[in-house]
Amino acid sequence: LKHREDRTRIYFLGDIHAGTKACDEEKFFDTIRDIKEARNCWWVGMGDYAEFINYTDKRFDPNTLADWLQLKDLEKLAKVEADWMIEKLRPVASQCVGLHCGNHEESIRLKYHQNVHDYICLALGVKNLQWSALTNLFFRPPNGTSAYMLKLASEHGNFGGYYVGGAINRAVMRTGEKDADIFASGHCHKKLGTPEMMIGSTNTENPQPKEIPKVVIITGTYFRTCQKGTTVYSEKKAYRPTALGSPYLDIWQQRTHHNDKNIKTEIRMALTLET
């Protein structure tokens, strides 16, 4: 007889790139609504929340600006985009584990001295995870079973690759550098994941081998590679189309009753990469 405890769900939300026509805003709004309405749900911000490209930047293209931006916004474009993102994220701010900084936030800070990442974190009252972080996630089941902890290693990331194999291989390699049960990375705009397994041993006088599960996640995007009516940089550089949206991870305890004296409790994780 198997008994499944209540699940905790964690979304990994990043590479939104608000402020450009290539951002699928409706899909982003759908994700925010799902997070708000789901029971026992949390999320981690993975960086690159908006474009943050000023009109004096060589990457700037006025034809790609989102329709909600106006001419008068150009003198404070980064702040307008940050305020837009703050408004959209505020309904789920209380469910946020923390926000990572991405390369778009970092570029606007270094080139134009505007720390929009700190600004967003302070406005939402959420933890600033900087570029990368190690986070201990504590789970307290409501039915009296024992609490447990999982280690999350997360980062905006700096690797990519034209094919999915290169990206997931690099992510799996990165997990070897982190003592974590969950590894999550963004940046490359792919939505991928794989279960991995490590071999460990029990903490006993006579140690026994045991399998230690790990989940590796590349956290997706809301930026369309090709957009009707305009030509964005991803199309010019012939990037591959990507599946939009955010992956999420369900975590729960599963108890297996072999008999009255033999009850086994396991921590289970299920990754969803729906399009």
C-alpha atoms as a PDB file:
ATOM      1  CA  LEU A   1       0.000   0.000   0.000  1.00  0.00           C
ATOM      2  CA  LYS A   2       1.432   3.342  -1.028  1.00  0.00           C
ATOM      3  CA  HIS A   3       0.460   6.625   0.561  1.00  0.00           C
ATOM      4  CA  ARG A   4       1.348   9.948  -1.124  1.00  0.00           C
ATOM      5  CA  GLU A   5       1.799  13.061   0.998  1.00  0.00           C
ATOM      6  CA  ASP A   6       0.778  16.541  -0.097  1.00  0.00           C
ATOM      7  CA  ARG A   7       3.096  17.907  -2.753  1.00  0.00           C
ATOM      8  CA  THR A   8       5.127  21.096  -2.793  1.00  0.00           C
ATOM      9  CA  ARG A   9       5.554  22.677  -6.233  1.00  0.00           C
ATOM     10  CA  ILE A  10       8.497  24.896  -7.246  1.00  0.00           C
ATOM     11  CA  TYR A  11       8.502  26.891 -10.487  1.00  0.00           C
ATOM     12  CA  PHE A  12      11.722  28.153 -12.077  1.00  0.00           C
ATOM     13  CA  LEU A  13      10.805  31.441 -13.739  1.00  0.00           C
ATOM     14  CA  GLY A  14      13.344  33.321 -15.824  1.00  0.00           C
ATOM     15  CA  ASP A  15      14.550  34.722 -19.137  1.00  0.00           C
ATOM     16  CA  ILE A  16      11.276  36.620 -19.561  1.00  0.00           C
ATOM     17  CA  HIS A  17      12.821  39.533 -21.504  1.00  0.00           C
ATOM     18  CA  ALA A  18       9.924  41.916 -20.927  1.00  0.00           C
ATOM     19  CA  GLY A  19       9.986  45.109 -22.946  1.00  0.00           C
ATOM     20  CA  THR A  20      10.410  43.448 -26.324  1.00  0.00           C
ATOM     21  CA  LYS A  21       7.790  42.307 -28.819  1.00  0.00           C
ATOM     22  CA  ALA A  22       9.392  38.867 -28.703  1.00  0.00           C
ATOM     23  CA  CYS A  23       8.286  38.367 -25.084  1.00  0.00           C
ATOM     24  CA  ASP A  24       5.216  36.117 -24.907  1.00  0.00           C
ATOM     25  CA  GLU A  25       3.442  38.150 -22.248  1.00  0.00           C
ATOM     26  CA  GLU A  26       0.263  36.054 -22.242  1.00  0.00           C
ATOM     27  CA  LYS A  27       2.202  32.879 -21.479  1.00  0.00           C
ATOM     28  CA  PHE A  28       4.060  34.727 -18.735  1.00  0.00           C
ATOM     29  CA  PHE A  29       0.754  35.915 -17.249  1.00  0.00           C
ATOM     30  CA  ASP A  30      -0.544  32.326 -17.381  1.00  0.00           C
ATOM     31  CA  THR A  31       2.463  31.149 -15.359  1.00  0.00           C
ATOM     32  CA  ILE A  32       1.951  33.871 -12.745  1.00  0.00           C
ATOM     33  CA  ARG A  33      -1.701  32.848 -12.421  1.00  0.00           C
ATOM     34  CA  ASP A  34      -0.742  29.164 -12.076  1.00  0.00           C
ATOM     35  CA  ILE A  35       1.743  29.995  -9.307  1.00  0.00           C
ATOM     36  CA  LYS A  36      -0.803  32.124  -7.448  1.00  0.00           C
ATOM     37  CA  GLU A  37      -3.596  29.560  -7.687  1.00  0.00           C
ATOM     38  CA  ALA A  38      -1.597  26.369  -7.051  1.00  0.00           C
ATOM     39  CA  ARG A  39      -1.655  24.914  -3.575  1.00  0.00           C
ATOM     40  CA  ASN A  40       1.639  25.009  -1.655  1.00  0.00           C
ATOM     41  CA  CYS A  41       3.554  26.563  -4.543  1.00  0.00           C
ATOM     42  CA  TRP A  42       6.842  28.515  -4.614  1.00  0.00           C
ATOM     43  CA  TRP A  43       9.091  29.930  -7.330  1.00  0.00           C
ATOM     44  CA  VAL A  44      12.674  30.943  -8.004  1.00  0.00           C
ATOM     45  CA  GLY A  45      13.542  33.870 -10.299  1.00  0.00           C
ATOM     46  CA  MET A  46      16.297  32.889 -12.719  1.00  0.00           C
ATOM     47  CA  GLY A  47      17.299  36.324 -14.131  1.00  0.00           C
ATOM     48  CA  ASP A  48      16.859  38.328 -17.368  1.00  0.00           C
ATOM     49  CA  TYR A  49      13.440  39.619 -16.337  1.00  0.00           C
ATOM     50  CA  ALA A  50      13.496  42.370 -18.980  1.00  0.00           C
ATOM     51  CA  GLU A  51      15.660  43.478 -21.902  1.00  0.00           C
ATOM     52  CA  PHE A  52      17.187  46.497 -20.093  1.00  0.00           C
ATOM     53  CA  ILE A  53      18.809  47.757 -23.321  1.00  0.00           C
ATOM     54  CA  ASN A  54      19.114  51.563 -23.457  1.00  0.00           C
ATOM     55  CA  TYR A  55      18.794  53.521 -26.701  1.00  0.00           C
ATOM     56  CA  THR A  56      22.554  54.332 -26.675  1.00  0.00           C
ATOM     57  CA  ASP A  57      23.432  50.629 -26.530  1.00  0.00           C
ATOM     58  CA  LYS A  58      24.584  49.128 -29.841  1.00  0.00           C
ATOM     59  CA  ARG A  59      22.047  46.314 -29.318  1.00  0.00           C
ATOM     60  CA  PHE A  60      19.102  48.737 -29.180  1.00  0.00           C
ATOM     61  CA  ASP A  61      16.466  48.406 -31.915  1.00  0.00           C
ATOM     62  CA  PRO A  62      13.330  50.606 -31.632  1.00  0.00           C
ATOM     63  CA  ASN A  63      11.368  48.244 -33.878  1.00  0.00           C
ATOM     64  CA  THR A  64      11.494  45.516 -31.225  1.00  0.00           C
ATOM     65  CA  LEU A  65      10.137  47.557 -28.296  1.00  0.00           C
ATOM     66  CA  ALA A  66       6.964  46.282 -26.616  1.00  0.00           C
ATOM     67  CA  ASP A  67       3.773  48.145 -27.459  1.00  0.00           C
ATOM     68  CA  TRP A  68       3.327  49.353 -23.873  1.00  0.00           C
ATOM     69  CA  LEU A  69       6.562  51.393 -24.068  1.00  0.00           C
ATOM     70  CA  GLN A  70       6.309  55.036 -25.168  1.00  0.00           C
ATOM     71  CA  LEU A  71       8.754  57.549 -26.600  1.00  0.00           C
ATOM     72  CA  LYS A  72       8.993  59.371 -23.262  1.00  0.00           C
ATOM     73  CA  ASP A  73      10.119  56.120 -21.610  1.00  0.00           C
ATOM     74  CA  LEU A  74      13.408  56.047 -23.506  1.00  0.00           C
ATOM     75  CA  GLU A  75      15.152  58.354 -21.017  1.00  0.00           C
ATOM     76  CA  LYS A  76      14.352  55.915 -18.182  1.00  0.00           C
ATOM     77  CA  LEU A  77      13.776  52.700 -20.115  1.00  0.00           C
ATOM     78  CA  ALA A  78      15.359  50.315 -17.613  1.00  0.00           C
ATOM     79  CA  LYS A  79      13.299  51.680 -14.706  1.00  0.00           C
ATOM     80  CA  VAL A  80      10.049  51.549 -16.717  1.00  0.00           C
ATOM     81  CA  GLU A  81      10.703  47.908 -17.610  1.00  0.00           C
ATOM     82  CA  ALA A  82      11.655  47.093 -14.002  1.00  0.00           C
ATOM     83  CA  ASP A  83       8.463  48.758 -12.710  1.00  0.00           C
ATOM     84  CA  TRP A  84       6.394  46.757 -15.208  1.00  0.00           C
ATOM     85  CA  MET A  85       8.001  43.532 -13.970  1.00  0.00           C
ATOM     86  CA  ILE A  86       7.500  44.503 -10.317  1.00  0.00           C
ATOM     87  CA  GLU A  87       3.798  45.102 -10.957  1.00  0.00           C
ATOM     88  CA  LYS A  88       3.376  41.683 -12.609  1.00  0.00           C
ATOM     89  CA  LEU A  89       5.362  39.765  -9.970  1.00  0.00           C
ATOM     90  CA  ARG A  90       3.887  41.481  -6.898  1.00  0.00           C
ATOM     91  CA  PRO A  91       0.875  39.098  -6.610  1.00  0.00           C
ATOM     92  CA  VAL A  92       3.245  36.141  -6.125  1.00  0.00           C
ATOM     93  CA  ALA A  93       6.062  37.913  -4.240  1.00  0.00           C
ATOM     94  CA  SER A  94       5.176  36.159  -0.966  1.00  0.00           C
ATOM     95  CA  GLN A  95       5.778  32.798  -2.694  1.00  0.00           C
ATOM     96  CA  CYS A  96       9.234  33.728  -3.994  1.00  0.00           C
ATOM     97  CA  VAL A  97      12.305  31.842  -2.743  1.00  0.00           C
ATOM     98  CA  GLY A  98      14.534  34.553  -4.227  1.00  0.00           C
ATOM     99  CA  LEU A  99      15.615  36.277  -7.433  1.00  0.00           C
ATOM    100  CA  HIS A 100      18.808  35.655  -9.399  1.00  0.00           C
ATOM    101  CA  CYS A 101      20.508  38.369 -11.393  1.00  0.00           C
ATOM    102  CA  GLY A 102      20.894  37.698 -15.138  1.00  0.00           C
ATOM    103  CA  ASN A 103      23.320  39.013 -17.729  1.00  0.00           C
ATOM    104  CA  HIS A 104      20.815  41.669 -18.890  1.00  0.00           C
ATOM    105  CA  GLU A 105      20.543  43.057 -15.350  1.00  0.00           C
ATOM    106  CA  GLU A 106      24.324  42.864 -15.008  1.00  0.00           C
ATOM    107  CA  SER A 107      24.956  44.680 -18.309  1.00  0.00           C
ATOM    108  CA  ILE A 108      22.737  47.637 -17.412  1.00  0.00           C
ATOM    109  CA  ARG A 109      24.474  47.885 -14.021  1.00  0.00           C
ATOM    110  CA  LEU A 110      28.011  47.833 -15.426  1.00  0.00           C
ATOM    111  CA  LYS A 111      27.422  50.005 -18.510  1.00  0.00           C
ATOM    112  CA  TYR A 112      24.861  52.498 -17.207  1.00  0.00           C
ATOM    113  CA  HIS A 113      25.202  52.308 -13.397  1.00  0.00           C
ATOM    114  CA  GLN A 114      21.589  51.246 -12.840  1.00  0.00           C
ATOM    115  CA  ASN A 115      21.227  48.384 -10.394  1.00  0.00           C
ATOM    116  CA  VAL A 116      17.793  47.273 -11.512  1.00  0.00           C
ATOM    117  CA  HIS A 117      18.168  43.851  -9.891  1.00  0.00           C
ATOM    118  CA  ASP A 118      18.551  45.263  -6.387  1.00  0.00           C
ATOM    119  CA  TYR A 119      15.694  47.644  -7.182  1.00  0.00           C
ATOM    120  CA  ILE A 120      13.337  44.775  -8.122  1.00  0.00           C
ATOM    121  CA  CYS A 121      14.315  42.692  -5.077  1.00  0.00           C
ATOM    122  CA  LEU A 122      13.792  45.596  -2.675  1.00  0.00           C
ATOM    123  CA  ALA A 123      10.476  46.609  -4.258  1.00  0.00           C
ATOM    124  CA  LEU A 124       9.124  43.051  -3.965  1.00  0.00           C
ATOM    125  CA  GLY A 125      10.696  42.384  -0.561  1.00  0.00           C
ATOM    126  CA  VAL A 126      12.335  39.151  -1.735  1.00  0.00           C
ATOM    127  CA  LYS A 127      15.749  37.594  -1.205  1.00  0.00           C
ATOM    128  CA  ASN A 128      18.521  38.650  -3.583  1.00  0.00           C
ATOM    129  CA  LEU A 129      20.205  35.443  -4.817  1.00  0.00           C
ATOM    130  CA  GLN A 130      22.758  37.341  -6.945  1.00  0.00           C
ATOM    131  CA  TRP A 131      24.179  35.329  -9.874  1.00  0.00           C
ATOM    132  CA  SER A 132      24.257  31.930  -8.154  1.00  0.00           C
ATOM    133  CA  ALA A 133      23.208  30.552  -4.793  1.00  0.00           C
ATOM    134  CA  LEU A 134      22.955  27.477  -2.612  1.00  0.00           C
ATOM    135  CA  THR A 135      19.624  27.311  -0.781  1.00  0.00           C
ATOM    136  CA  ASN A 136      18.401  24.853   1.837  1.00  0.00           C
ATOM    137  CA  LEU A 137      14.716  24.086   1.250  1.00  0.00           C
ATOM    138  CA  PHE A 138      12.871  22.831   4.360  1.00  0.00           C
ATOM    139  CA  PHE A 139       9.654  20.853   3.956  1.00  0.00           C
ATOM    140  CA  ARG A 140       7.225  20.322   6.836  1.00  0.00           C
ATOM    141  CA  PRO A 141       4.436  17.915   5.866  1.00  0.00           C
ATOM    142  CA  PRO A 142       1.093  18.800   7.468  1.00  0.00           C
ATOM    143  CA  ASN A 143       0.189  15.305   8.654  1.00  0.00           C
ATOM    144  CA  GLY A 144       2.810  14.775  11.326  1.00  0.00           C
ATOM    145  CA  THR A 145       5.418  12.957   9.260  1.00  0.00           C
ATOM    146  CA  SER A 146       9.007  14.050   9.746  1.00  0.00           C
ATOM    147  CA  ALA A 147      10.311  17.258   8.176  1.00  0.00           C
ATOM    148  CA  TYR A 148      13.058  17.023   5.602  1.00  0.00           C
ATOM    149  CA  MET A 149      15.440  19.238   3.653  1.00  0.00           C
ATOM    150  CA  LEU A 150      16.650  19.389   0.048  1.00  0.00           C
ATOM    151  CA  LYS A 151      19.591  21.429  -1.221  1.00  0.00           C
ATOM    152  CA  LEU A 152      19.030  23.654  -4.252  1.00  0.00           C
ATOM    153  CA  ALA A 153      21.925  24.946  -6.366  1.00  0.00           C
ATOM    154  CA  SER A 154      20.652  27.587  -8.785  1.00  0.00           C
ATOM    155  CA  GLU A 155      22.229  30.146 -11.094  1.00  0.00           C
ATOM    156  CA  HIS A 156      21.427  32.302 -14.087  1.00  0.00           C
ATOM    157  CA  GLY A 157      24.178  30.465 -15.949  1.00  0.00           C
ATOM    158  CA  ASN A 158      26.469  31.329 -18.833  1.00  0.00           C
ATOM    159  CA  PHE A 159      26.407  28.309 -21.126  1.00  0.00           C
ATOM    160  CA  GLY A 160      24.340  27.441 -24.179  1.00  0.00           C
ATOM    161  CA  GLY A 161      24.799  25.464 -27.355  1.00  0.00           C
ATOM    162  CA  TYR A 162      22.881  25.169 -30.601  1.00  0.00           C
ATOM    163  CA  TYR A 163      21.658  21.640 -29.853  1.00  0.00           C
ATOM    164  CA  VAL A 164      19.966  20.525 -26.652  1.00  0.00           C
ATOM    165  CA  GLY A 165      22.609  17.859 -26.031  1.00  0.00           C
ATOM    166  CA  GLY A 166      25.355  20.394 -25.486  1.00  0.00           C
ATOM    167  CA  ALA A 167      23.268  22.408 -23.020  1.00  0.00           C
ATOM    168  CA  ILE A 168      22.094  19.481 -20.883  1.00  0.00           C
ATOM    169  CA  ASN A 169      25.563  17.903 -20.910  1.00  0.00           C
ATOM    170  CA  ARG A 170      27.068  21.120 -19.588  1.00  0.00           C
ATOM    171  CA  ALA A 171      24.394  21.339 -16.902  1.00  0.00           C
ATOM    172  CA  VAL A 172      25.034  17.750 -15.784  1.00  0.00           C
ATOM    173  CA  MET A 173      28.768  18.518 -15.624  1.00  0.00           C
ATOM    174  CA  ARG A 174      28.030  21.575 -13.465  1.00  0.00           C
ATOM    175  CA  THR A 175      26.164  19.440 -10.944  1.00  0.00           C
ATOM    176  CA  GLY A 176      29.415  17.677 -10.107  1.00  0.00           C
ATOM    177  CA  GLU A 177      30.658  20.972  -8.665  1.00  0.00           C
ATOM    178  CA  LYS A 178      27.650  21.470  -6.390  1.00  0.00           C
ATOM    179  CA  ASP A 179      26.532  19.595  -3.278  1.00  0.00           C
ATOM    180  CA  ALA A 180      22.844  19.733  -4.099  1.00  0.00           C
ATOM    181  CA  ASP A 181      19.753  17.602  -4.720  1.00  0.00           C
ATOM    182  CA  ILE A 182      18.423  20.033  -7.355  1.00  0.00           C
ATOM    183  CA  PHE A 183      20.492  21.974  -9.887  1.00  0.00           C
ATOM    184  CA  ALA A 184      18.789  24.711 -11.948  1.00  0.00           C
ATOM    185  CA  SER A 185      20.300  27.024 -14.559  1.00  0.00           C
ATOM    186  CA  GLY A 186      18.857  29.527 -17.030  1.00  0.00           C
ATOM    187  CA  HIS A 187      20.330  31.762 -19.741  1.00  0.00           C
ATOM    188  CA  CYS A 188      20.369  29.425 -22.757  1.00  0.00           C
ATOM    189  CA  HIS A 189      16.580  29.719 -23.364  1.00  0.00           C
ATOM    190  CA  LYS A 190      16.068  25.960 -23.540  1.00  0.00           C
ATOM    191  CA  LYS A 191      13.611  24.081 -21.339  1.00  0.00           C
ATOM    192  CA  LEU A 192      15.217  20.774 -20.396  1.00  0.00           C
ATOM    193  CA  GLY A 193      15.592  18.420 -17.475  1.00  0.00           C
ATOM    194  CA  THR A 194      16.894  15.021 -16.500  1.00  0.00           C
ATOM    195  CA  PRO A 195      16.958  12.851 -13.383  1.00  0.00           C
ATOM    196  CA  GLU A 196      20.453  11.874 -12.270  1.00  0.00           C
ATOM    197  CA  MET A 197      21.645   9.420  -9.644  1.00  0.00           C
ATOM    198  CA  MET A 198      24.656   9.415  -7.347  1.00  0.00           C
ATOM    199  CA  ILE A 199      25.959   6.529  -5.275  1.00  0.00           C
ATOM    200  CA  GLY A 200      26.422   7.241  -1.589  1.00  0.00           C
ATOM    201  CA  SER A 201      26.385   5.399   1.703  1.00  0.00           C
ATOM    202  CA  THR A 202      24.338   5.359   4.890  1.00  0.00           C
ATOM    203  CA  ASN A 203      25.494   7.279   7.964  1.00  0.00           C
ATOM    204  CA  THR A 204      25.928   4.151  10.075  1.00  0.00           C
ATOM    205  CA  GLU A 205      28.754   2.259  11.718  1.00  0.00           C
ATOM    206  CA  ASN A 206      28.491  -0.370   9.011  1.00  0.00           C
ATOM    207  CA  PRO A 207      27.692   1.795   5.962  1.00  0.00           C
ATOM    208  CA  GLN A 208      25.522   0.415   3.240  1.00  0.00           C
ATOM    209  CA  PRO A 209      25.423   1.729  -0.338  1.00  0.00           C
ATOM    210  CA  LYS A 210      22.447   3.853  -1.277  1.00  0.00           C
ATOM    211  CA  GLU A 211      21.256   5.729  -4.359  1.00  0.00           C
ATOM    212  CA  ILE A 212      20.913   9.490  -4.057  1.00  0.00           C
ATOM    213  CA  PRO A 213      18.597  11.089  -6.669  1.00  0.00           C
ATOM    214  CA  LYS A 214      19.323  14.475  -8.206  1.00  0.00           C
ATOM    215  CA  VAL A 215      17.334  16.591 -10.669  1.00  0.00           C
ATOM    216  CA  VAL A 216      19.037  18.780 -13.302  1.00  0.00           C
ATOM    217  CA  ILE A 217      16.938  21.591 -14.835  1.00  0.00           C
ATOM    218  CA  ILE A 218      17.467  24.196 -17.555  1.00  0.00           C
ATOM    219  CA  THR A 219      14.747  26.681 -16.872  1.00  0.00           C
ATOM    220  CA  GLY A 220      13.298  27.937 -20.172  1.00  0.00           C
ATOM    221  CA  THR A 221      12.298  31.354 -21.521  1.00  0.00           C
ATOM    222  CA  TYR A 222       9.406  33.548 -22.688  1.00  0.00           C
ATOM    223  CA  PHE A 223      11.411  35.033 -25.581  1.00  0.00           C
ATOM    224  CA  ARG A 224      10.271  33.968 -29.047  1.00  0.00           C
ATOM    225  CA  THR A 225      13.077  33.236 -31.483  1.00  0.00           C
ATOM    226  CA  CYS A 226      11.018  34.561 -34.411  1.00  0.00           C
ATOM    227  CA  GLN A 227       8.317  37.192 -34.061  1.00  0.00           C
ATOM    228  CA  LYS A 228       5.853  38.265 -36.757  1.00  0.00           C
ATOM    229  CA  GLY A 229       6.122  41.905 -37.714  1.00  0.00           C
ATOM    230  CA  THR A 230       9.644  42.494 -36.391  1.00  0.00           C
ATOM    231  CA  THR A 231      13.093  40.956 -36.572  1.00  0.00           C
ATOM    232  CA  VAL A 232      14.713  40.319 -33.193  1.00  0.00           C
ATOM    233  CA  TYR A 233      18.383  39.488 -32.631  1.00  0.00           C
ATOM    234  CA  SER A 234      17.684  35.774 -32.138  1.00  0.00           C
ATOM    235  CA  GLU A 235      16.323  35.552 -35.685  1.00  0.00           C
ATOM    236  CA  LYS A 236      19.290  37.471 -37.093  1.00  0.00           C
ATOM    237  CA  LYS A 237      21.671  35.055 -35.380  1.00  0.00           C
ATOM    238  CA  ALA A 238      19.637  32.013 -36.506  1.00  0.00           C
ATOM    239  CA  TYR A 239      19.003  30.691 -33.017  1.00  0.00           C
ATOM    240  CA  ARG A 240      16.904  27.546 -32.751  1.00  0.00           C
ATOM    241  CA  PRO A 241      13.218  27.980 -31.803  1.00  0.00           C
ATOM    242  CA  THR A 242      12.553  27.055 -28.190  1.00  0.00           C
ATOM    243  CA  ALA A 243       9.611  25.739 -26.175  1.00  0.00           C
ATOM    244  CA  LEU A 244       8.353  28.648 -24.064  1.00  0.00           C
ATOM    245  CA  GLY A 245       7.367  28.631 -20.410  1.00  0.00           C
ATOM    246  CA  SER A 246       8.706  27.569 -17.029  1.00  0.00           C
ATOM    247  CA  PRO A 247       9.421  24.043 -15.779  1.00  0.00           C
ATOM    248  CA  TYR A 248       8.199  23.087 -12.331  1.00  0.00           C
ATOM    249  CA  LEU A 249       9.193  20.453  -9.819  1.00  0.00           C
ATOM    250  CA  ASP A 250       6.766  18.568  -7.544  1.00  0.00           C
ATOM    251  CA  ILE A 251       8.277  17.275  -4.301  1.00  0.00           C
ATOM    252  CA  TRP A 252       6.653  14.953  -1.788  1.00  0.00           C
ATOM    253  CA  GLN A 253       7.260  12.153   0.697  1.00  0.00           C
ATOM    254  CA  GLN A 254       6.110   8.678  -0.220  1.00  0.00           C
ATOM    255  CA  ARG A 255       5.633   6.028   2.440  1.00  0.00           C
ATOM    256  CA  THR A 256       5.603   2.366   1.495  1.00  0.00           C
ATOM    257  CA  HIS A 257       4.051  -0.068   4.006  1.00  0.00           C
ATOM    258  CA  HIS A 258       5.473  -3.558   3.551  1.00  0.00           C
ATOM    259  CA  ASN A 259       3.987  -4.613   6.875  1.00  0.00           C
ATOM    260  CA  ASP A 260       3.257  -3.089  10.273  1.00  0.00           C
ATOM    261  CA  LYS A 261       6.938  -3.136  11.267  1.00  0.00           C
ATOM    262  CA  ASN A 262       8.492  -2.143   7.962  1.00  0.00           C
ATOM    263  CA  ILE A 263       7.634   1.347   6.709  1.00  0.00           C
ATOM    264  CA  LYS A 264       9.898   3.000   4.174  1.00  0.00           C
ATOM    265  CA  THR A 265       9.781   6.758   3.582  1.00  0.00           C
ATOM    266  CA  GLU A 266      11.272   8.254   0.438  1.00  0.00           C
ATOM    267  CA  ILE A 267      11.503  11.783  -0.918  1.00  0.00           C
ATOM    268  CA  ARG A 268      10.179  11.880  -4.477  1.00  0.00           C
ATOM    269  CA  MET A 269      10.597  14.538  -7.160  1.00  0.00           C
ATOM    270  CA  ALA A 270       8.700  14.842 -10.465  1.00  0.00           C
ATOM    271  CA  LEU A 271       9.752  17.387 -13.108  1.00  0.00           C
ATOM    272  CA  THR A 272       7.248  18.818 -15.608  1.00  0.00           C
ATOM    273  CA  LEU A 273       8.349  20.472 -18.850  1.00  0.00           C
ATOM    274  CA  GLU A 274       4.978  21.144 -20.451  1.00  0.00           C
ATOM    275  CA  THR A 275       4.719  23.504 -23.456  1.00  0.00           C
END
